[in-house]
Amino acid sequence: MLVFFFSGIIPRALNMLEVEGKGLTAYLQDVLFASRISDPFLASFAGAFTYLLIWFLILRFFYQRARIFKV
């Protein structure tokens, strides 16, 4: 439930921060992935996979400390 709630809020909050006329997530996508990977599909996949990995690490941190959030 934690991921469901924050996975919708965090991108919206990050897009409120503008860098060079773009939202922060679009800017990071361009700088970190699109500039290094020529295929747009693979660049988008790398960005999505990185986002998934970040959530996995956050949830693993909570799980190891027995912080389970239930609804």
PDB file of N, CA and C in Angstrom:
ATOM      1  N   MET A   1       0.816  -1.180   0.000  1.00  0.00           N
ATOM      2  CA  MET A   1       0.000   0.000   0.000  1.00  0.00           C
ATOM      3  C   MET A   1       0.868   1.256   0.000  1.00  0.00           C
ATOM      4  N   LEU A   2       1.982   1.172   0.678  1.00  0.00           N
ATOM      5  CA  LEU A   2       2.907   2.304   0.724  1.00  0.00           C
ATOM      6  C   LEU A   2       3.375   2.678  -0.675  1.00  0.00           C
ATOM      7  N   VAL A   3       3.737   1.685  -1.465  1.00  0.00           N
ATOM      8  CA  VAL A   3       4.205   1.939  -2.834  1.00  0.00           C
ATOM      9  C   VAL A   3       3.078   2.512  -3.679  1.00  0.00           C
ATOM     10  N   PHE A   4       1.884   1.974  -3.543  1.00  0.00           N
ATOM     11  CA  PHE A   4       0.752   2.464  -4.315  1.00  0.00           C
ATOM     12  C   PHE A   4       0.507   3.941  -4.029  1.00  0.00           C
ATOM     13  N   PHE A   5       0.537   4.305  -2.770  1.00  0.00           N
ATOM     14  CA  PHE A   5       0.274   5.687  -2.385  1.00  0.00           C
ATOM     15  C   PHE A   5       1.373   6.622  -2.879  1.00  0.00           C
ATOM     16  N   PHE A   6       2.621   6.297  -2.562  1.00  0.00           N
ATOM     17  CA  PHE A   6       3.716   7.206  -2.886  1.00  0.00           C
ATOM     18  C   PHE A   6       4.138   7.161  -4.354  1.00  0.00           C
ATOM     19  N   SER A   7       3.865   6.064  -5.055  1.00  0.00           N
ATOM     20  CA  SER A   7       4.259   6.018  -6.464  1.00  0.00           C
ATOM     21  C   SER A   7       3.437   6.984  -7.304  1.00  0.00           C
ATOM     22  N   GLY A   8       2.295   7.403  -6.813  1.00  0.00           N
ATOM     23  CA  GLY A   8       1.517   8.410  -7.509  1.00  0.00           C
ATOM     24  C   GLY A   8       1.878   9.822  -7.086  1.00  0.00           C
ATOM     25  N   ILE A   9       2.244   9.984  -5.829  1.00  0.00           N
ATOM     26  CA  ILE A   9       2.515  11.323  -5.304  1.00  0.00           C
ATOM     27  C   ILE A   9       3.923  11.807  -5.646  1.00  0.00           C
ATOM     28  N   ILE A  10       4.912  10.947  -5.544  1.00  0.00           N
ATOM     29  CA  ILE A  10       6.299  11.368  -5.742  1.00  0.00           C
ATOM     30  C   ILE A  10       6.550  11.901  -7.161  1.00  0.00           C
ATOM     31  N   PRO A  11       6.111  11.226  -8.225  1.00  0.00           N
ATOM     32  CA  PRO A  11       6.342  11.816  -9.556  1.00  0.00           C
ATOM     33  C   PRO A  11       5.649  13.169  -9.744  1.00  0.00           C
ATOM     34  N   ARG A  12       4.458  13.316  -9.188  1.00  0.00           N
ATOM     35  CA  ARG A  12       3.768  14.608  -9.312  1.00  0.00           C
ATOM     36  C   ARG A  12       4.529  15.707  -8.585  1.00  0.00           C
ATOM     37  N   ALA A  13       5.024  15.370  -7.401  1.00  0.00           N
ATOM     38  CA  ALA A  13       5.786  16.364  -6.634  1.00  0.00           C
ATOM     39  C   ALA A  13       7.092  16.711  -7.341  1.00  0.00           C
ATOM     40  N   LEU A  14       7.758  15.712  -7.900  1.00  0.00           N
ATOM     41  CA  LEU A  14       9.010  15.971  -8.605  1.00  0.00           C
ATOM     42  C   LEU A  14       8.786  16.778  -9.876  1.00  0.00           C
ATOM     43  N   ASN A  15       7.655  16.595 -10.529  1.00  0.00           N
ATOM     44  CA  ASN A  15       7.369  17.360 -11.745  1.00  0.00           C
ATOM     45  C   ASN A  15       7.003  18.804 -11.450  1.00  0.00           C
ATOM     46  N   MET A  16       6.673  19.104 -10.211  1.00  0.00           N
ATOM     47  CA  MET A  16       6.429  20.502  -9.833  1.00  0.00           C
ATOM     48  C   MET A  16       7.733  21.302  -9.795  1.00  0.00           C
ATOM     49  N   LEU A  17       8.839  20.613  -9.581  1.00  0.00           N
ATOM     50  CA  LEU A  17      10.147  21.261  -9.588  1.00  0.00           C
ATOM     51  C   LEU A  17      10.637  21.326 -11.029  1.00  0.00           C
ATOM     52  N   GLU A  18      10.871  22.521 -11.531  1.00  0.00           N
ATOM     53  CA  GLU A  18      11.288  22.659 -12.921  1.00  0.00           C
ATOM     54  C   GLU A  18      12.774  22.937 -13.024  1.00  0.00           C
ATOM     55  N   VAL A  19      13.402  22.248 -13.961  1.00  0.00           N
ATOM     56  CA  VAL A  19      14.815  22.435 -14.281  1.00  0.00           C
ATOM     57  C   VAL A  19      14.890  22.606 -15.798  1.00  0.00           C
ATOM     58  N   GLU A  20      15.405  23.727 -16.240  1.00  0.00           N
ATOM     59  CA  GLU A  20      15.534  24.038 -17.671  1.00  0.00           C
ATOM     60  C   GLU A  20      14.205  23.890 -18.415  1.00  0.00           C
ATOM     61  N   GLY A  21      13.121  24.321 -17.799  1.00  0.00           N
ATOM     62  CA  GLY A  21      11.814  24.302 -18.450  1.00  0.00           C
ATOM     63  C   GLY A  21      11.119  22.956 -18.464  1.00  0.00           C
ATOM     64  N   LYS A  22      11.681  21.971 -17.799  1.00  0.00           N
ATOM     65  CA  LYS A  22      11.072  20.633 -17.741  1.00  0.00           C
ATOM     66  C   LYS A  22      10.855  20.264 -16.285  1.00  0.00           C
ATOM     67  N   GLY A  23       9.944  19.328 -16.070  1.00  0.00           N
ATOM     68  CA  GLY A  23       9.793  18.779 -14.735  1.00  0.00           C
ATOM     69  C   GLY A  23      11.047  17.992 -14.370  1.00  0.00           C
ATOM     70  N   LEU A  24      11.278  17.812 -13.085  1.00  0.00           N
ATOM     71  CA  LEU A  24      12.501  17.152 -12.629  1.00  0.00           C
ATOM     72  C   LEU A  24      12.619  15.723 -13.154  1.00  0.00           C
ATOM     73  N   THR A  25      11.517  14.992 -13.204  1.00  0.00           N
ATOM     74  CA  THR A  25      11.600  13.611 -13.695  1.00  0.00           C
ATOM     75  C   THR A  25      11.960  13.567 -15.182  1.00  0.00           C
ATOM     76  N   ALA A  26      11.381  14.463 -15.975  1.00  0.00           N
ATOM     77  CA  ALA A  26      11.719  14.515 -17.406  1.00  0.00           C
ATOM     78  C   ALA A  26      13.165  14.928 -17.605  1.00  0.00           C
ATOM     79  N   TYR A  27      13.623  15.880 -16.803  1.00  0.00           N
ATOM     80  CA  TYR A  27      15.016  16.321 -16.895  1.00  0.00           C
ATOM     81  C   TYR A  27      15.972  15.179 -16.543  1.00  0.00           C
ATOM     82  N   LEU A  28      15.681  14.461 -15.453  1.00  0.00           N
ATOM     83  CA  LEU A  28      16.542  13.339 -15.068  1.00  0.00           C
ATOM     84  C   LEU A  28      16.518  12.232 -16.118  1.00  0.00           C
ATOM     85  N   GLN A  29      15.350  12.001 -16.714  1.00  0.00           N
ATOM     86  CA  GLN A  29      15.250  10.993 -17.774  1.00  0.00           C
ATOM     87  C   GLN A  29      16.146  11.385 -18.951  1.00  0.00           C
ATOM     88  N   ASP A  30      16.115  12.650 -19.331  1.00  0.00           N
ATOM     89  CA  ASP A  30      16.942  13.118 -20.445  1.00  0.00           C
ATOM     90  C   ASP A  30      18.428  13.051 -20.117  1.00  0.00           C
ATOM     91  N   VAL A  31      18.799  13.500 -18.928  1.00  0.00           N
ATOM     92  CA  VAL A  31      20.209  13.576 -18.566  1.00  0.00           C
ATOM     93  C   VAL A  31      20.797  12.195 -18.278  1.00  0.00           C
ATOM     94  N   LEU A  32      20.077  11.376 -17.524  1.00  0.00           N
ATOM     95  CA  LEU A  32      20.640  10.095 -17.095  1.00  0.00           C
ATOM     96  C   LEU A  32      20.516   8.985 -18.133  1.00  0.00           C
ATOM     97  N   PHE A  33      19.416   8.963 -18.877  1.00  0.00           N
ATOM     98  CA  PHE A  33      19.178   7.813 -19.755  1.00  0.00           C
ATOM     99  C   PHE A  33      19.132   8.157 -21.240  1.00  0.00           C
ATOM    100  N   ALA A  34      18.346   9.149 -21.615  1.00  0.00           N
ATOM    101  CA  ALA A  34      18.174   9.454 -23.038  1.00  0.00           C
ATOM    102  C   ALA A  34      19.463   9.939 -23.682  1.00  0.00           C
ATOM    103  N   SER A  35      20.315  10.610 -22.918  1.00  0.00           N
ATOM    104  CA  SER A  35      21.567  11.089 -23.495  1.00  0.00           C
ATOM    105  C   SER A  35      22.586   9.965 -23.667  1.00  0.00           C
ATOM    106  N   ARG A  36      22.419   8.883 -22.950  1.00  0.00           N
ATOM    107  CA  ARG A  36      23.381   7.768 -23.012  1.00  0.00           C
ATOM    108  C   ARG A  36      22.886   6.583 -23.829  1.00  0.00           C
ATOM    109  N   ILE A  37      21.576   6.432 -23.937  1.00  0.00           N
ATOM    110  CA  ILE A  37      20.989   5.304 -24.666  1.00  0.00           C
ATOM    111  C   ILE A  37      20.244   5.870 -25.868  1.00  0.00           C
ATOM    112  N   SER A  38      20.653   5.491 -27.058  1.00  0.00           N
ATOM    113  CA  SER A  38      20.089   6.091 -28.274  1.00  0.00           C
ATOM    114  C   SER A  38      18.666   5.618 -28.564  1.00  0.00           C
ATOM    115  N   ASP A  39      18.333   4.393 -28.205  1.00  0.00           N
ATOM    116  CA  ASP A  39      16.992   3.871 -28.452  1.00  0.00           C
ATOM    117  C   ASP A  39      16.024   4.410 -27.388  1.00  0.00           C
ATOM    118  N   PRO A  40      14.988   5.160 -27.786  1.00  0.00           N
ATOM    119  CA  PRO A  40      14.056   5.729 -26.806  1.00  0.00           C
ATOM    120  C   PRO A  40      13.344   4.674 -25.964  1.00  0.00           C
ATOM    121  N   PHE A  41      13.050   3.523 -26.561  1.00  0.00           N
ATOM    122  CA  PHE A  41      12.387   2.447 -25.821  1.00  0.00           C
ATOM    123  C   PHE A  41      13.278   1.947 -24.693  1.00  0.00           C
ATOM    124  N   LEU A  42      14.535   1.701 -24.989  1.00  0.00           N
ATOM    125  CA  LEU A  42      15.462   1.212 -23.970  1.00  0.00           C
ATOM    126  C   LEU A  42      15.761   2.278 -22.921  1.00  0.00           C
ATOM    127  N   ALA A  43      15.816   3.537 -23.326  1.00  0.00           N
ATOM    128  CA  ALA A  43      16.040   4.618 -22.363  1.00  0.00           C
ATOM    129  C   ALA A  43      14.864   4.712 -21.396  1.00  0.00           C
ATOM    130  N   SER A  44      13.650   4.600 -21.920  1.00  0.00           N
ATOM    131  CA  SER A  44      12.466   4.628 -21.071  1.00  0.00           C
ATOM    132  C   SER A  44      12.426   3.409 -20.156  1.00  0.00           C
ATOM    133  N   PHE A  45      12.788   2.254 -20.698  1.00  0.00           N
ATOM    134  CA  PHE A  45      12.832   1.034 -19.900  1.00  0.00           C
ATOM    135  C   PHE A  45      13.857   1.156 -18.775  1.00  0.00           C
ATOM    136  N   ALA A  46      15.003   1.722 -19.067  1.00  0.00           N
ATOM    137  CA  ALA A  46      16.041   1.904 -18.041  1.00  0.00           C
ATOM    138  C   ALA A  46      15.558   2.849 -16.943  1.00  0.00           C
ATOM    139  N   GLY A  47      14.849   3.902 -17.307  1.00  0.00           N
ATOM    140  CA  GLY A  47      14.292   4.816 -16.314  1.00  0.00           C
ATOM    141  C   GLY A  47      13.252   4.141 -15.441  1.00  0.00           C
ATOM    142  N   ALA A  48      12.368   3.361 -16.061  1.00  0.00           N
ATOM    143  CA  ALA A  48      11.340   2.654 -15.303  1.00  0.00           C
ATOM    144  C   ALA A  48      11.961   1.594 -14.394  1.00  0.00           C
ATOM    145  N   PHE A  49      12.951   0.892 -14.891  1.00  0.00           N
ATOM    146  CA  PHE A  49      13.606  -0.135 -14.095  1.00  0.00           C
ATOM    147  C   PHE A  49      14.344   0.491 -12.905  1.00  0.00           C
ATOM    148  N   THR A  50      14.960   1.638 -13.117  1.00  0.00           N
ATOM    149  CA  THR A  50      15.636   2.341 -12.024  1.00  0.00           C
ATOM    150  C   THR A  50      14.631   2.778 -10.968  1.00  0.00           C
ATOM    151  N   TYR A  51      13.481   3.282 -11.391  1.00  0.00           N
ATOM    152  CA  TYR A  51      12.423   3.678 -10.460  1.00  0.00           C
ATOM    153  C   TYR A  51      11.945   2.471  -9.650  1.00  0.00           C
ATOM    154  N   LEU A  52      11.779   1.344 -10.319  1.00  0.00           N
ATOM    155  CA  LEU A  52      11.390   0.105  -9.645  1.00  0.00           C
ATOM    156  C   LEU A  52      12.448  -0.345  -8.646  1.00  0.00           C
ATOM    157  N   LEU A  53      13.695  -0.242  -9.018  1.00  0.00           N
ATOM    158  CA  LEU A  53      14.798  -0.620  -8.135  1.00  0.00           C
ATOM    159  C   LEU A  53      14.848   0.272  -6.893  1.00  0.00           C
ATOM    160  N   ILE A  54      14.601   1.550  -7.069  1.00  0.00           N
ATOM    161  CA  ILE A  54      14.573   2.465  -5.922  1.00  0.00           C
ATOM    162  C   ILE A  54      13.470   2.051  -4.950  1.00  0.00           C
ATOM    163  N   TRP A  55      12.280   1.742  -5.467  1.00  0.00           N
ATOM    164  CA  TRP A  55      11.196   1.296  -4.589  1.00  0.00           C
ATOM    165  C   TRP A  55      11.519  -0.025  -3.914  1.00  0.00           C
ATOM    166  N   PHE A  56      12.159  -0.928  -4.631  1.00  0.00           N
ATOM    167  CA  PHE A  56      12.557  -2.206  -4.036  1.00  0.00           C
ATOM    168  C   PHE A  56      13.493  -1.979  -2.854  1.00  0.00           C
ATOM    169  N   LEU A  57      14.462  -1.090  -3.017  1.00  0.00           N
ATOM    170  CA  LEU A  57      15.411  -0.812  -1.939  1.00  0.00           C
ATOM    171  C   LEU A  57      14.731  -0.146  -0.739  1.00  0.00           C
ATOM    172  N   ILE A  58      13.805   0.747  -0.996  1.00  0.00           N
ATOM    173  CA  ILE A  58      13.073   1.394   0.096  1.00  0.00           C
ATOM    174  C   ILE A  58      12.267   0.362   0.875  1.00  0.00           C
ATOM    175  N   LEU A  59      11.538  -0.487   0.158  1.00  0.00           N
ATOM    176  CA  LEU A  59      10.713  -1.491   0.832  1.00  0.00           C
ATOM    177  C   LEU A  59      11.556  -2.547   1.530  1.00  0.00           C
ATOM    178  N   ARG A  60      12.669  -2.897   0.961  1.00  0.00           N
ATOM    179  CA  ARG A  60      13.560  -3.851   1.618  1.00  0.00           C
ATOM    180  C   ARG A  60      14.093  -3.267   2.934  1.00  0.00           C
ATOM    181  N   PHE A  61      14.420  -1.986   2.934  1.00  0.00           N
ATOM    182  CA  PHE A  61      14.867  -1.299   4.135  1.00  0.00           C
ATOM    183  C   PHE A  61      13.800  -1.396   5.234  1.00  0.00           C
ATOM    184  N   PHE A  62      12.543  -1.108   4.875  1.00  0.00           N
ATOM    185  CA  PHE A  62      11.457  -1.198   5.854  1.00  0.00           C
ATOM    186  C   PHE A  62      11.240  -2.635   6.319  1.00  0.00           C
ATOM    187  N   TYR A  63      11.305  -3.584   5.395  1.00  0.00           N
ATOM    188  CA  TYR A  63      11.074  -4.988   5.739  1.00  0.00           C
ATOM    189  C   TYR A  63      12.144  -5.508   6.687  1.00  0.00           C
ATOM    190  N   GLN A  64      13.391  -5.154   6.470  1.00  0.00           N
ATOM    191  CA  GLN A  64      14.465  -5.617   7.334  1.00  0.00           C
ATOM    192  C   GLN A  64      14.341  -5.057   8.747  1.00  0.00           C
ATOM    193  N   ARG A  65      13.695  -3.936   8.880  1.00  0.00           N
ATOM    194  CA  ARG A  65      13.508  -3.340  10.211  1.00  0.00           C
ATOM    195  C   ARG A  65      12.121  -3.643  10.769  1.00  0.00           C
ATOM    196  N   ALA A  66      11.443  -4.605  10.144  1.00  0.00           N
ATOM    197  CA  ALA A  66      10.115  -5.059  10.558  1.00  0.00           C
ATOM    198  C   ALA A  66       9.102  -3.929  10.609  1.00  0.00           C
ATOM    199  N   ARG A  67       9.188  -3.019   9.675  1.00  0.00           N
ATOM    200  CA  ARG A  67       8.218  -1.936   9.546  1.00  0.00           C
ATOM    201  C   ARG A  67       7.247  -2.323   8.441  1.00  0.00           C
ATOM    202  N   ILE A  68       6.150  -2.948   8.824  1.00  0.00           N
ATOM    203  CA  ILE A  68       5.157  -3.405   7.864  1.00  0.00           C
ATOM    204  C   ILE A  68       3.947  -2.493   7.992  1.00  0.00           C
ATOM    205  N   PHE A  69       3.531  -1.930   6.862  1.00  0.00           N
ATOM    206  CA  PHE A  69       2.384  -1.031   6.840  1.00  0.00           C
ATOM    207  C   PHE A  69       1.186  -1.802   6.284  1.00  0.00           C
ATOM    208  N   LYS A  70       0.132  -1.878   7.073  1.00  0.00           N
ATOM    209  CA  LYS A  70      -1.063  -2.602   6.657  1.00  0.00           C
ATOM    210  C   LYS A  70      -2.238  -1.649   6.567  1.00  0.00           C
ATOM    211  N   VAL A  71      -3.153  -2.006   5.706  1.00  0.00           N
ATOM    212  CA  VAL A  71      -4.361  -1.192   5.528  1.00  0.00           C
ATOM    213  C   VAL A  71      -5.528  -1.914   6.146  1.00  0.00           C
TER     214      VAL A  71
END
